[in-house]
Protein backbone atom coordinates (compact mmCIF):
# COMPACT_ATOMS: atom_id res chain seq x y z
CA UNK A 1 -69.10 126.79 67.44
CA UNK A 2 -72.14 125.86 68.79
CA UNK A 3 -73.12 121.92 70.69
CA UNK A 4 -74.37 120.18 68.24
CA UNK A 5 -77.49 117.90 68.96
CA UNK A 6 -78.10 115.09 67.25
CA UNK A 7 -80.83 113.80 68.74
CA UNK A 8 -83.34 113.57 66.57
CA UNK A 9 -87.59 114.16 67.20
CA UNK A 10 -89.27 111.41 67.19
CA UNK A 11 -93.34 112.00 66.19
CA UNK A 12 -95.81 110.66 68.66
CA UNK A 13 -99.18 109.34 67.19
CA UNK A 14 -100.46 112.92 67.28
CA UNK A 15 -97.80 114.67 65.19
CA UNK A 16 -97.77 111.70 62.68
CA UNK A 17 -101.67 112.50 61.96
CA UNK A 18 -100.61 116.17 61.69
CA UNK A 19 -97.96 115.65 59.04
CA UNK A 20 -99.65 113.40 57.26
CA UNK A 21 -102.80 115.92 56.85
CA UNK A 22 -100.07 118.81 56.09
CA UNK A 23 -97.63 117.18 54.25
CA UNK A 24 -99.81 116.88 50.41
CA UNK A 25 -100.59 121.08 51.17
CA UNK A 26 -97.03 121.47 51.58
CA UNK A 27 -96.39 119.70 48.53
CA UNK A 28 -99.31 121.24 46.33
CA UNK A 29 -97.60 124.87 46.83
CA UNK A 30 -94.45 123.61 46.05
CA UNK A 31 -95.59 122.30 43.04
CA UNK A 32 -97.56 125.31 42.16
CA UNK A 33 -95.21 127.96 42.82
CA UNK A 34 -91.41 127.19 40.95
CA UNK A 35 -88.73 129.67 41.39
CA UNK A 36 -86.90 130.78 44.23
CA UNK A 37 -88.79 133.56 45.76
CA UNK A 38 -89.56 133.49 49.43
CA UNK A 39 -92.98 132.38 50.91
CA UNK A 40 -95.30 133.58 53.01
CA UNK A 41 -96.87 131.74 55.73
CA UNK A 42 -100.13 132.61 58.14
CA UNK A 43 -99.89 131.41 61.44
CA UNK A 44 -103.01 131.11 63.03
CA UNK A 45 -103.45 130.92 67.11
CA UNK A 46 -105.08 132.14 69.47
CA UNK A 47 -103.50 136.04 68.86
CA UNK A 48 -104.96 136.42 65.48
CA UNK A 49 -102.83 135.78 62.41
CA UNK A 50 -99.05 136.57 61.26
CA UNK A 51 -97.94 136.45 58.52
CA UNK A 52 -94.01 135.11 58.64
CA UNK A 53 -91.29 135.31 55.26
CA UNK A 54 -89.56 132.11 54.72
CA UNK A 55 -86.83 131.22 51.74
CA UNK A 56 -88.44 128.82 49.61
CA UNK A 57 -85.74 126.09 50.20
CA UNK A 58 -87.04 126.63 54.33
CA UNK A 59 -90.73 125.01 53.02
CA UNK A 60 -88.24 122.26 50.73
CA UNK A 61 -87.43 121.23 53.76
CA UNK A 62 -89.82 121.46 55.73
CA UNK A 63 -91.98 119.03 53.35
CA UNK A 64 -89.05 116.31 53.72
CA UNK A 65 -89.59 116.76 56.87
CA UNK A 66 -93.15 116.04 57.54
CA UNK A 67 -92.27 112.91 55.10
CA UNK A 68 -90.28 111.58 57.47
CA UNK A 69 -92.46 112.11 60.43
CA UNK A 70 -95.76 111.32 58.52
CA UNK A 71 -93.53 107.59 58.08
CA UNK A 72 -93.24 107.93 61.48
CA UNK A 73 -89.64 108.38 61.62
CA UNK A 74 -87.49 110.39 63.77
CA UNK A 75 -85.89 113.49 62.09
CA UNK A 76 -83.14 115.46 62.97
CA UNK A 77 -81.84 118.92 60.73
CA UNK A 78 -77.95 118.60 60.69
CA UNK A 79 -75.74 122.00 59.22
CA UNK A 80 -73.53 120.82 56.26
CA UNK A 81 -71.18 122.47 57.81
CA UNK A 82 -71.43 121.05 61.06
CA UNK A 83 -68.25 118.73 62.12
CA UNK A 84 -68.97 115.99 62.87
CA UNK A 85 -67.38 113.00 65.58
CA UNK A 86 -67.29 109.43 64.36
CA UNK A 87 -69.46 108.12 66.85
CA UNK A 88 -71.77 111.06 65.84
CA UNK A 89 -70.87 110.50 61.75
CA UNK A 90 -71.99 106.58 62.90
CA UNK A 91 -74.67 107.19 64.01
CA UNK A 92 -76.50 108.93 61.04
CA UNK A 93 -75.07 106.27 59.25
CA UNK A 94 -76.42 103.73 60.95
CA UNK A 95 -72.65 101.70 61.17
CA UNK A 96 -70.37 101.10 63.74
CA UNK A 97 -67.99 103.19 64.58
CA UNK A 98 -64.82 100.54 63.73
CA UNK A 99 -67.07 100.52 60.00
CA UNK A 100 -66.79 104.16 59.48
CA UNK A 101 -63.17 104.08 60.61
CA UNK A 102 -62.75 101.80 57.99
CA UNK A 103 -65.19 104.34 55.57
CA UNK A 104 -62.44 106.99 56.13
CA UNK A 105 -59.08 105.37 56.01
CA UNK A 106 -60.18 103.86 52.96
CA UNK A 107 -60.68 107.98 51.51
CA UNK A 108 -64.74 107.32 51.22
CA UNK A 109 -65.78 109.54 53.35
CA UNK A 110 -63.40 113.28 53.68
CA UNK A 111 -62.37 113.90 57.45
CA UNK A 112 -59.69 115.68 58.76
CA UNK A 113 -58.49 115.41 62.39
CA UNK A 114 -57.80 117.77 65.19
CA UNK A 115 -54.97 116.35 67.16
CA UNK A 116 -55.62 112.39 67.42
CA UNK A 117 -59.15 112.36 66.84
CA UNK A 118 -61.35 112.61 63.33
CA UNK A 119 -63.53 115.21 62.57
CA UNK A 120 -66.57 114.51 59.73
CA UNK A 121 -68.18 117.18 57.85
CA UNK A 122 -71.28 116.46 57.33
CA UNK A 123 -71.79 117.49 54.03
CA UNK A 124 -69.55 115.05 53.44
CA UNK A 125 -71.43 112.36 54.72
CA UNK A 126 -74.49 113.54 53.01
CA UNK A 127 -72.19 113.11 50.10
CA UNK A 128 -71.60 109.26 50.84
CA UNK A 129 -74.75 108.51 51.52
CA UNK A 130 -76.16 110.13 47.79
CA UNK A 131 -73.42 108.40 46.19
CA UNK A 132 -74.28 105.06 48.28
CA UNK A 133 -77.97 105.20 47.31
CA UNK A 134 -77.25 105.74 43.64
CA UNK A 135 -74.90 102.45 43.90
CA UNK A 136 -77.45 100.49 45.46
CA UNK A 137 -80.11 101.65 42.75
CA UNK A 138 -77.89 100.84 40.10
CA UNK A 139 -77.15 97.59 41.30
CA UNK A 140 -80.87 96.97 41.97
CA UNK A 141 -81.26 98.03 38.12
CA UNK A 142 -79.07 95.77 36.63
CA UNK A 143 -80.27 92.46 38.63
CA UNK A 144 -83.55 93.19 37.74
CA UNK A 145 -82.46 93.76 34.06
CA UNK A 146 -80.31 90.54 34.10
CA UNK A 147 -83.43 88.54 35.86
CA UNK A 148 -85.75 89.71 32.58
CA UNK A 149 -82.52 89.18 30.35
CA UNK A 150 -82.81 85.62 31.62
CA UNK A 151 -86.09 84.95 31.85
CA UNK A 152 -87.03 84.80 35.34
CA UNK A 153 -89.83 86.67 36.12
């Protein structure tokens, strides 16, 4: 297996500006063209126009990447099948390694052992993030409803 590099691409001001300009065009294209068809891109450079055909999912992923870059955030791409060390997984969650180990031992995130070492599937980590985000949204909605019910707004 090739080595996994999780170092994010940090956008500079020129990258941020370019992403801000490109994102509405990509989103507009995706909203007007539904389905799973391949997308034909035209690249214009000093050698002339060159057409590339890419899967729609790649363009959807590009839109997400552009959104993060437009916000000045670094971006990494991690294959869903990738296995991460506990330190890499902790870094992606922005938590300490001991906190992550607690999540693993509590069964919150799936992992496997390779000798003495734990390996975390990136897909399992993303699933945990989705569930955690949903729990946070549900708690915020409940708090908001309670605040309104008590007339504290």
